[in-house]
């Protein structure tokens, strides 16, 4: 399962794939799953992991990437993350 951490409803998405696990998460009051924050302006994550998009058949959504290299490391680039 993949999704945009800013908008995904993990319980709904997970219940479509594995209802029993979604039920456990709901009972145990788990409210989210987080990964590393972006390193603003240091890495183009979509390019770095392009092989995985091909391997797993994920749609690329480069335009939604948080803090890509091409947008730089300026304070303005950092402000646009929020």
PDB file of N, CA and C in Angstrom:
ATOM      1  N   UNK A   1       0.844  -1.163   0.000  1.00  0.00           N
ATOM      2  CA  UNK A   1       0.000   0.000   0.000  1.00  0.00           C
ATOM      3  C   UNK A   1       0.893   1.230   0.000  1.00  0.00           C
ATOM      4  N   UNK A   2       0.533   2.209  -0.768  1.00  0.00           N
ATOM      5  CA  UNK A   2       1.261   3.469  -0.758  1.00  0.00           C
ATOM      6  C   UNK A   2       0.254   4.605  -0.838  1.00  0.00           C
ATOM      7  N   UNK A   3       0.679   5.760  -0.408  1.00  0.00           N
ATOM      8  CA  UNK A   3      -0.195   6.919  -0.459  1.00  0.00           C
ATOM      9  C   UNK A   3       0.524   8.152   0.041  1.00  0.00           C
ATOM     10  N   UNK A   4      -0.101   9.285  -0.151  1.00  0.00           N
ATOM     11  CA  UNK A   4       0.450  10.561   0.274  1.00  0.00           C
ATOM     12  C   UNK A   4       0.149  10.744   1.759  1.00  0.00           C
ATOM     13  N   UNK A   5       1.181  10.835   2.570  1.00  0.00           N
ATOM     14  CA  UNK A   5       1.018  10.934   4.017  1.00  0.00           C
ATOM     15  C   UNK A   5       0.195  12.150   4.435  1.00  0.00           C
ATOM     16  N   UNK A   6       0.125  13.151   3.551  1.00  0.00           N
ATOM     17  CA  UNK A   6      -0.636  14.353   3.882  1.00  0.00           C
ATOM     18  C   UNK A   6      -2.137  14.154   3.726  1.00  0.00           C
ATOM     19  N   UNK A   7      -2.549  13.124   2.979  1.00  0.00           N
ATOM     20  CA  UNK A   7      -3.974  12.998   2.671  1.00  0.00           C
ATOM     21  C   UNK A   7      -4.567  11.605   2.874  1.00  0.00           C
ATOM     22  N   UNK A   8      -3.747  10.589   3.011  1.00  0.00           N
ATOM     23  CA  UNK A   8      -4.274   9.222   3.052  1.00  0.00           C
ATOM     24  C   UNK A   8      -5.008   8.927   4.364  1.00  0.00           C
ATOM     25  N   UNK A   9      -6.090   8.218   4.271  1.00  0.00           N
ATOM     26  CA  UNK A   9      -6.787   7.673   5.441  1.00  0.00           C
ATOM     27  C   UNK A   9      -6.298   6.231   5.531  1.00  0.00           C
ATOM     28  N   UNK A  10      -5.319   5.991   6.409  1.00  0.00           N
ATOM     29  CA  UNK A  10      -4.676   4.677   6.432  1.00  0.00           C
ATOM     30  C   UNK A  10      -5.631   3.556   6.805  1.00  0.00           C
ATOM     31  N   UNK A  11      -6.632   3.846   7.617  1.00  0.00           N
ATOM     32  CA  UNK A  11      -7.570   2.802   8.032  1.00  0.00           C
ATOM     33  C   UNK A  11      -8.444   2.348   6.868  1.00  0.00           C
ATOM     34  N   UNK A  12      -8.953   3.305   6.103  1.00  0.00           N
ATOM     35  CA  UNK A  12      -9.781   2.974   4.947  1.00  0.00           C
ATOM     36  C   UNK A  12      -8.962   2.249   3.893  1.00  0.00           C
ATOM     37  N   UNK A  13      -7.780   2.781   3.595  1.00  0.00           N
ATOM     38  CA  UNK A  13      -6.924   2.169   2.577  1.00  0.00           C
ATOM     39  C   UNK A  13      -6.526   0.750   2.983  1.00  0.00           C
ATOM     40  N   UNK A  14      -6.151   0.576   4.237  1.00  0.00           N
ATOM     41  CA  UNK A  14      -5.723  -0.739   4.702  1.00  0.00           C
ATOM     42  C   UNK A  14      -6.882  -1.723   4.772  1.00  0.00           C
ATOM     43  N   UNK A  15      -8.063  -1.246   5.155  1.00  0.00           N
ATOM     44  CA  UNK A  15      -9.201  -2.166   5.272  1.00  0.00           C
ATOM     45  C   UNK A  15      -9.592  -2.745   3.919  1.00  0.00           C
ATOM     46  N   UNK A  16      -9.246  -2.048   2.838  1.00  0.00           N
ATOM     47  CA  UNK A  16      -9.516  -2.580   1.494  1.00  0.00           C
ATOM     48  C   UNK A  16      -8.538  -3.696   1.135  1.00  0.00           C
ATOM     49  N   UNK A  17      -7.351  -3.675   1.751  1.00  0.00           N
ATOM     50  CA  UNK A  17      -6.325  -4.667   1.447  1.00  0.00           C
ATOM     51  C   UNK A  17      -6.267  -5.795   2.475  1.00  0.00           C
ATOM     52  N   UNK A  18      -6.381  -5.445   3.752  1.00  0.00           N
ATOM     53  CA  UNK A  18      -6.208  -6.426   4.818  1.00  0.00           C
ATOM     54  C   UNK A  18      -7.065  -6.004   6.018  1.00  0.00           C
ATOM     55  N   UNK A  19      -8.347  -6.320   5.950  1.00  0.00           N
ATOM     56  CA  UNK A  19      -9.307  -5.868   6.951  1.00  0.00           C
ATOM     57  C   UNK A  19      -8.929  -6.293   8.366  1.00  0.00           C
ATOM     58  N   UNK A  20      -8.435  -7.498   8.539  1.00  0.00           N
ATOM     59  CA  UNK A  20      -8.094  -7.975   9.881  1.00  0.00           C
ATOM     60  C   UNK A  20      -7.002  -7.114  10.516  1.00  0.00           C
ATOM     61  N   UNK A  21      -6.021  -6.691   9.730  1.00  0.00           N
ATOM     62  CA  UNK A  21      -4.948  -5.839  10.247  1.00  0.00           C
ATOM     63  C   UNK A  21      -5.487  -4.440  10.545  1.00  0.00           C
ATOM     64  N   UNK A  22      -6.355  -3.920   9.691  1.00  0.00           N
ATOM     65  CA  UNK A  22      -6.972  -2.613   9.922  1.00  0.00           C
ATOM     66  C   UNK A  22      -7.766  -2.625  11.226  1.00  0.00           C
ATOM     67  N   UNK A  23      -8.440  -3.723  11.512  1.00  0.00           N
ATOM     68  CA  UNK A  23      -9.194  -3.846  12.759  1.00  0.00           C
ATOM     69  C   UNK A  23      -8.269  -3.780  13.979  1.00  0.00           C
ATOM     70  N   UNK A  24      -7.124  -4.440  13.891  1.00  0.00           N
ATOM     71  CA  UNK A  24      -6.139  -4.400  14.985  1.00  0.00           C
ATOM     72  C   UNK A  24      -5.659  -2.968  15.197  1.00  0.00           C
ATOM     73  N   UNK A  25      -5.342  -2.268  14.117  1.00  0.00           N
ATOM     74  CA  UNK A  25      -4.871  -0.889  14.236  1.00  0.00           C
ATOM     75  C   UNK A  25      -5.930  -0.013  14.895  1.00  0.00           C
ATOM     76  N   UNK A  26      -7.169  -0.183  14.509  1.00  0.00           N
ATOM     77  CA  UNK A  26      -8.248   0.604  15.102  1.00  0.00           C
ATOM     78  C   UNK A  26      -8.403   0.313  16.593  1.00  0.00           C
ATOM     79  N   UNK A  27      -8.338  -0.950  16.979  1.00  0.00           N
ATOM     80  CA  UNK A  27      -8.482  -1.333  18.386  1.00  0.00           C
ATOM     81  C   UNK A  27      -7.332  -0.805  19.239  1.00  0.00           C
ATOM     82  N   UNK A  28      -6.136  -0.809  18.681  1.00  0.00           N
ATOM     83  CA  UNK A  28      -4.954  -0.407  19.453  1.00  0.00           C
ATOM     84  C   UNK A  28      -4.676   1.091  19.358  1.00  0.00           C
ATOM     85  N   UNK A  29      -5.546   1.825  18.721  1.00  0.00           N
ATOM     86  CA  UNK A  29      -5.451   3.286  18.662  1.00  0.00           C
ATOM     87  C   UNK A  29      -4.209   3.803  17.932  1.00  0.00           C
ATOM     88  N   UNK A  30      -3.735   3.058  16.973  1.00  0.00           N
ATOM     89  CA  UNK A  30      -2.619   3.524  16.163  1.00  0.00           C
ATOM     90  C   UNK A  30      -3.151   4.609  15.233  1.00  0.00           C
ATOM     91  N   UNK A  31      -2.467   5.755  15.184  1.00  0.00           N
ATOM     92  CA  UNK A  31      -2.998   6.873  14.415  1.00  0.00           C
ATOM     93  C   UNK A  31      -2.194   7.216  13.169  1.00  0.00           C
ATOM     94  N   UNK A  32      -1.091   6.556  12.949  1.00  0.00           N
ATOM     95  CA  UNK A  32      -0.338   6.860  11.738  1.00  0.00           C
ATOM     96  C   UNK A  32       0.939   6.069  11.627  1.00  0.00           C
ATOM     97  N   UNK A  33       1.484   6.081  10.444  1.00  0.00           N
ATOM     98  CA  UNK A  33       2.760   5.443  10.161  1.00  0.00           C
ATOM     99  C   UNK A  33       3.600   6.497   9.460  1.00  0.00           C
ATOM    100  N   UNK A  34       4.777   6.754   9.990  1.00  0.00           N
ATOM    101  CA  UNK A  34       5.608   7.818   9.446  1.00  0.00           C
ATOM    102  C   UNK A  34       6.952   7.275   9.007  1.00  0.00           C
ATOM    103  N   UNK A  35       7.507   7.923   8.006  1.00  0.00           N
ATOM    104  CA  UNK A  35       8.845   7.567   7.550  1.00  0.00           C
ATOM    105  C   UNK A  35       9.738   8.787   7.744  1.00  0.00           C
ATOM    106  N   UNK A  36      10.954   8.721   7.293  1.00  0.00           N
ATOM    107  CA  UNK A  36      11.896   9.829   7.435  1.00  0.00           C
ATOM    108  C   UNK A  36      11.348  11.091   6.790  1.00  0.00           C
ATOM    109  N   UNK A  37      11.636  12.247   7.389  1.00  0.00           N
ATOM    110  CA  UNK A  37      11.242  13.492   6.744  1.00  0.00           C
ATOM    111  C   UNK A  37      12.111  13.732   5.510  1.00  0.00           C
ATOM    112  N   UNK A  38      11.635  14.554   4.597  1.00  0.00           N
ATOM    113  CA  UNK A  38      12.452  14.820   3.409  1.00  0.00           C
ATOM    114  C   UNK A  38      13.684  15.652   3.772  1.00  0.00           C
ATOM    115  N   UNK A  39      14.741  15.432   3.073  1.00  0.00           N
ATOM    116  CA  UNK A  39      15.935  16.252   3.207  1.00  0.00           C
ATOM    117  C   UNK A  39      15.821  17.303   2.117  1.00  0.00           C
ATOM    118  N   UNK A  40      15.298  18.458   2.492  1.00  0.00           N
ATOM    119  CA  UNK A  40      14.935  19.500   1.534  1.00  0.00           C
ATOM    120  C   UNK A  40      16.097  19.850   0.612  1.00  0.00           C
ATOM    121  N   UNK A  41      15.846  19.687  -0.692  1.00  0.00           N
ATOM    122  CA  UNK A  41      16.808  20.084  -1.703  1.00  0.00           C
ATOM    123  C   UNK A  41      18.039  19.215  -1.835  1.00  0.00           C
ATOM    124  N   UNK A  42      18.064  18.051  -1.221  1.00  0.00           N
ATOM    125  CA  UNK A  42      19.249  17.193  -1.304  1.00  0.00           C
ATOM    126  C   UNK A  42      19.083  16.008  -2.243  1.00  0.00           C
ATOM    127  N   UNK A  43      17.871  15.483  -2.353  1.00  0.00           N
ATOM    128  CA  UNK A  43      17.658  14.251  -3.112  1.00  0.00           C
ATOM    129  C   UNK A  43      16.365  14.363  -3.912  1.00  0.00           C
ATOM    130  N   UNK A  44      16.367  13.844  -5.126  1.00  0.00           N
ATOM    131  CA  UNK A  44      15.129  13.644  -5.869  1.00  0.00           C
ATOM    132  C   UNK A  44      14.739  12.192  -5.609  1.00  0.00           C
ATOM    133  N   UNK A  45      13.869  11.995  -4.633  1.00  0.00           N
ATOM    134  CA  UNK A  45      13.516  10.648  -4.197  1.00  0.00           C
ATOM    135  C   UNK A  45      12.935   9.786  -5.319  1.00  0.00           C
ATOM    136  N   UNK A  46      12.123  10.393  -6.173  1.00  0.00           N
ATOM    137  CA  UNK A  46      11.521   9.616  -7.255  1.00  0.00           C
ATOM    138  C   UNK A  46      12.591   9.074  -8.204  1.00  0.00           C
ATOM    139  N   UNK A  47      13.601   9.882  -8.480  1.00  0.00           N
ATOM    140  CA  UNK A  47      14.687   9.410  -9.350  1.00  0.00           C
ATOM    141  C   UNK A  47      15.543   8.372  -8.643  1.00  0.00           C
ATOM    142  N   UNK A  48      15.823   8.616  -7.366  1.00  0.00           N
ATOM    143  CA  UNK A  48      16.664   7.685  -6.619  1.00  0.00           C
ATOM    144  C   UNK A  48      16.034   6.301  -6.555  1.00  0.00           C
ATOM    145  N   UNK A  49      14.707   6.254  -6.508  1.00  0.00           N
ATOM    146  CA  UNK A  49      14.018   4.971  -6.364  1.00  0.00           C
ATOM    147  C   UNK A  49      13.224   4.595  -7.618  1.00  0.00           C
ATOM    148  N   UNK A  50      13.638   5.093  -8.771  1.00  0.00           N
ATOM    149  CA  UNK A  50      12.921   4.827 -10.025  1.00  0.00           C
ATOM    150  C   UNK A  50      12.771   3.327 -10.284  1.00  0.00           C
ATOM    151  N   UNK A  51      13.781   2.551  -9.927  1.00  0.00           N
ATOM    152  CA  UNK A  51      13.721   1.104 -10.148  1.00  0.00           C
ATOM    153  C   UNK A  51      12.527   0.490  -9.419  1.00  0.00           C
ATOM    154  N   UNK A  52      12.206   0.994  -8.217  1.00  0.00           N
ATOM    155  CA  UNK A  52      11.112   0.428  -7.424  1.00  0.00           C
ATOM    156  C   UNK A  52       9.759   0.710  -8.083  1.00  0.00           C
ATOM    157  N   UNK A  53       9.627   1.872  -8.700  1.00  0.00           N
ATOM    158  CA  UNK A  53       8.377   2.183  -9.391  1.00  0.00           C
ATOM    159  C   UNK A  53       8.163   1.177 -10.524  1.00  0.00           C
ATOM    160  N   UNK A  54       9.220   0.874 -11.239  1.00  0.00           N
ATOM    161  CA  UNK A  54       9.129  -0.103 -12.328  1.00  0.00           C
ATOM    162  C   UNK A  54       8.905  -1.515 -11.782  1.00  0.00           C
ATOM    163  N   UNK A  55       9.667  -1.876 -10.770  1.00  0.00           N
ATOM    164  CA  UNK A  55       9.601  -3.219 -10.205  1.00  0.00           C
ATOM    165  C   UNK A  55       8.219  -3.547  -9.638  1.00  0.00           C
ATOM    166  N   UNK A  56       7.639  -2.601  -8.897  1.00  0.00           N
ATOM    167  CA  UNK A  56       6.359  -2.851  -8.239  1.00  0.00           C
ATOM    168  C   UNK A  56       5.156  -2.302  -9.003  1.00  0.00           C
ATOM    169  N   UNK A  57       5.409  -1.620 -10.096  1.00  0.00           N
ATOM    170  CA  UNK A  57       4.314  -1.099 -10.910  1.00  0.00           C
ATOM    171  C   UNK A  57       3.591   0.086 -10.297  1.00  0.00           C
ATOM    172  N   UNK A  58       4.275   0.838  -9.418  1.00  0.00           N
ATOM    173  CA  UNK A  58       3.665   2.027  -8.823  1.00  0.00           C
ATOM    174  C   UNK A  58       3.637   3.162  -9.830  1.00  0.00           C
ATOM    175  N   UNK A  59       2.576   3.956  -9.778  1.00  0.00           N
ATOM    176  CA  UNK A  59       2.528   5.164 -10.591  1.00  0.00           C
ATOM    177  C   UNK A  59       3.461   6.187  -9.972  1.00  0.00           C
ATOM    178  N   UNK A  60       4.222   6.862 -10.824  1.00  0.00           N
ATOM    179  CA  UNK A  60       5.088   7.938 -10.333  1.00  0.00           C
ATOM    180  C   UNK A  60       4.243   9.182 -10.129  1.00  0.00           C
ATOM    181  N   UNK A  61       4.509   9.864  -9.045  1.00  0.00           N
ATOM    182  CA  UNK A  61       3.804  11.110  -8.745  1.00  0.00           C
ATOM    183  C   UNK A  61       4.845  12.155  -8.348  1.00  0.00           C
ATOM    184  N   UNK A  62       5.779  12.376  -9.248  1.00  0.00           N
ATOM    185  CA  UNK A  62       6.893  13.282  -8.980  1.00  0.00           C
ATOM    186  C   UNK A  62       6.429  14.658  -8.510  1.00  0.00           C
ATOM    187  N   UNK A  63       5.309  15.131  -9.043  1.00  0.00           N
ATOM    188  CA  UNK A  63       4.831  16.469  -8.706  1.00  0.00           C
ATOM    189  C   UNK A  63       4.417  16.594  -7.234  1.00  0.00           C
ATOM    190  N   UNK A  64       4.205  15.471  -6.561  1.00  0.00           N
ATOM    191  CA  UNK A  64       3.820  15.489  -5.151  1.00  0.00           C
ATOM    192  C   UNK A  64       5.005  15.291  -4.204  1.00  0.00           C
ATOM    193  N   UNK A  65       6.194  15.092  -4.766  1.00  0.00           N
ATOM    194  CA  UNK A  65       7.369  14.854  -3.933  1.00  0.00           C
ATOM    195  C   UNK A  65       7.646  16.060  -3.042  1.00  0.00           C
ATOM    196  N   UNK A  66       7.958  15.804  -1.786  1.00  0.00           N
ATOM    197  CA  UNK A  66       8.216  16.860  -0.818  1.00  0.00           C
ATOM    198  C   UNK A  66       9.707  17.207  -0.835  1.00  0.00           C
ATOM    199  N   UNK A  67      10.025  18.470  -1.122  1.00  0.00           N
ATOM    200  CA  UNK A  67      11.396  18.965  -1.045  1.00  0.00           C
ATOM    201  C   UNK A  67      12.386  18.389  -2.032  1.00  0.00           C
ATOM    202  N   UNK A  68      12.027  18.257  -3.340  1.00  0.00           N
ATOM    203  CA  UNK A  68      12.970  17.678  -4.295  1.00  0.00           C
ATOM    204  C   UNK A  68      14.192  18.569  -4.545  1.00  0.00           C
ATOM    205  N   UNK A  69      15.246  17.950  -5.015  1.00  0.00           N
ATOM    206  CA  UNK A  69      16.519  18.613  -5.280  1.00  0.00           C
ATOM    207  C   UNK A  69      16.359  19.847  -6.165  1.00  0.00           C
ATOM    208  N   UNK A  70      15.561  19.737  -7.220  1.00  0.00           N
ATOM    209  CA  UNK A  70      15.476  20.835  -8.180  1.00  0.00           C
ATOM    210  C   UNK A  70      14.828  22.105  -7.609  1.00  0.00           C
ATOM    211  N   UNK A  71      14.151  22.000  -6.455  1.00  0.00           N
ATOM    212  CA  UNK A  71      13.558  23.187  -5.832  1.00  0.00           C
ATOM    213  C   UNK A  71      14.512  23.877  -4.867  1.00  0.00           C
ATOM    214  N   UNK A  72      15.687  23.297  -4.642  1.00  0.00           N
ATOM    215  CA  UNK A  72      16.710  23.935  -3.828  1.00  0.00           C
ATOM    216  C   UNK A  72      16.527  23.772  -2.329  1.00  0.00           C
ATOM    217  N   UNK A  73      17.447  24.452  -1.582  1.00  0.00           N
ATOM    218  CA  UNK A  73      17.476  24.357  -0.129  1.00  0.00           C
ATOM    219  C   UNK A  73      17.152  25.684   0.549  1.00  0.00           C
ATOM    220  N   UNK A  74      16.655  26.626  -0.177  1.00  0.00           N
ATOM    221  CA  UNK A  74      16.399  27.955   0.372  1.00  0.00           C
ATOM    222  C   UNK A  74      15.302  27.928   1.445  1.00  0.00           C
ATOM    223  N   UNK A  75      15.226  29.011   2.213  1.00  0.00           N
ATOM    224  CA  UNK A  75      14.154  29.145   3.203  1.00  0.00           C
ATOM    225  C   UNK A  75      12.801  29.110   2.509  1.00  0.00           C
ATOM    226  N   UNK A  76      12.719  29.686   1.315  1.00  0.00           N
ATOM    227  CA  UNK A  76      11.468  29.682   0.554  1.00  0.00           C
ATOM    228  C   UNK A  76      11.058  28.248   0.203  1.00  0.00           C
ATOM    229  N   UNK A  77      12.003  27.417  -0.202  1.00  0.00           N
ATOM    230  CA  UNK A  77      11.716  26.013  -0.513  1.00  0.00           C
ATOM    231  C   UNK A  77      11.228  25.292   0.737  1.00  0.00           C
ATOM    232  N   UNK A  78      11.832  25.589   1.882  1.00  0.00           N
ATOM    233  CA  UNK A  78      11.417  24.957   3.129  1.00  0.00           C
ATOM    234  C   UNK A  78      10.015  25.393   3.541  1.00  0.00           C
ATOM    235  N   UNK A  79       9.687  26.661   3.348  1.00  0.00           N
ATOM    236  CA  UNK A  79       8.356  27.175   3.708  1.00  0.00           C
ATOM    237  C   UNK A  79       7.262  26.513   2.887  1.00  0.00           C
ATOM    238  N   UNK A  80       7.567  26.156   1.654  1.00  0.00           N
ATOM    239  CA  UNK A  80       6.568  25.548   0.771  1.00  0.00           C
ATOM    240  C   UNK A  80       6.204  24.125   1.192  1.00  0.00           C
ATOM    241  N   UNK A  81       6.942  23.550   2.141  1.00  0.00           N
ATOM    242  CA  UNK A  81       6.652  22.209   2.624  1.00  0.00           C
ATOM    243  C   UNK A  81       5.409  22.197   3.516  1.00  0.00           C
ATOM    244  N   UNK A  82       5.151  23.286   4.170  1.00  0.00           N
ATOM    245  CA  UNK A  82       4.050  23.349   5.147  1.00  0.00           C
ATOM    246  C   UNK A  82       2.731  23.713   4.488  1.00  0.00           C
TER     247      UNK A  82
END
